[in-house]
Protein backbone atom coordinates (compact mmCIF):
# COMPACT_ATOMS: atom_id res chain seq x y z
CA MET A 1 -3.02 -257.09 -130.91
CA SER A 2 0.59 -258.49 -129.81
CA LEU A 3 3.58 -256.25 -128.69
CA GLU A 4 5.28 -256.06 -131.67
CA ASP A 5 2.10 -254.62 -133.43
CA LEU A 6 1.87 -252.40 -130.61
CA GLY A 7 5.62 -250.97 -130.91
CA ASN A 8 5.00 -250.24 -134.53
CA PHE A 9 1.59 -248.24 -134.13
CA GLY A 10 3.69 -246.11 -131.45
CA GLU A 11 7.01 -245.55 -133.80
CA ALA A 12 3.77 -244.71 -136.18
CA LEU A 13 2.54 -242.07 -133.87
CA GLY A 14 5.79 -240.57 -133.04
CA SER A 15 7.03 -240.25 -136.51
CA ILE A 16 3.55 -238.36 -137.44
CA GLY A 17 4.29 -236.33 -134.33
CA LEU A 18 7.92 -235.19 -135.50
CA LEU A 19 6.47 -234.72 -138.78
CA ILE A 20 4.07 -231.99 -136.94
CA SER A 21 6.40 -230.50 -135.01
CA ILE A 22 8.71 -229.79 -137.96
CA ALA A 23 5.81 -228.10 -140.28
CA PHE A 24 5.26 -226.15 -137.29
CA LEU A 25 8.75 -225.06 -137.18
CA ILE A 26 8.79 -224.33 -140.39
CA LEU A 27 5.89 -221.92 -140.24
CA GLU A 28 7.20 -220.31 -137.21
CA LEU A 29 10.27 -219.70 -138.59
CA ARG A 30 8.33 -218.09 -141.92
CA TRP A 31 6.22 -215.98 -139.19
CA ASN A 32 9.50 -214.94 -137.33
CA ARG A 33 10.92 -213.74 -140.54
CA ARG A 34 7.80 -211.78 -142.32
CA GLU A 35 7.74 -210.06 -139.04
CA SER A 36 11.73 -209.24 -138.52
CA ARG A 37 11.01 -207.68 -142.35
CA ARG A 38 8.24 -205.53 -141.01
CA VAL A 39 10.04 -204.21 -138.13
CA GLN A 40 13.15 -203.34 -140.44
CA ARG A 41 10.51 -201.37 -143.20
CA GLU A 42 8.99 -199.85 -139.80
CA ASP A 43 12.56 -198.90 -138.25
CA ALA A 44 13.68 -197.12 -141.61
CA PHE A 45 10.53 -195.54 -142.53
CA GLN A 46 11.06 -194.08 -138.66
CA ALA A 47 14.48 -193.26 -139.83
CA ALA A 48 13.28 -191.27 -142.51
CA MET A 49 10.50 -189.46 -140.62
CA ASP A 50 12.73 -188.03 -138.06
CA LEU A 51 15.49 -187.23 -140.77
CA GLU A 52 12.73 -185.41 -142.52
CA LEU A 53 11.63 -183.91 -139.39
CA THR A 54 15.03 -182.51 -138.29
CA LEU A 55 15.72 -181.00 -141.79
CA PHE A 56 12.62 -179.44 -141.83
CA SER A 57 12.68 -177.96 -138.09
CA SER A 58 16.36 -177.02 -138.70
CA ASP A 59 17.42 -173.35 -139.18
CA THR A 60 19.83 -174.30 -142.38
CA TRP A 61 16.54 -175.57 -144.61
CA HIS A 62 14.67 -172.06 -143.83
CA GLN A 63 18.07 -170.08 -144.75
CA THR A 64 18.57 -172.31 -147.98
CA TRP A 65 14.93 -171.69 -149.21
CA GLU A 66 15.13 -168.28 -148.79
């Protein structure tokens, strides 16, 4: 195996490593986006629950229905 062959082999390995890194970054971005959406839904649900709790516990709500 000549030095040129070793250089070509090294380039091939480097290219494969680069492709693996890019694939991992794409998966990581998808996971982060999915997690961000989940947190947003959770926050919106919590805000709705807080609003509902505030409305049910306020005196004006009870007076309105009476």
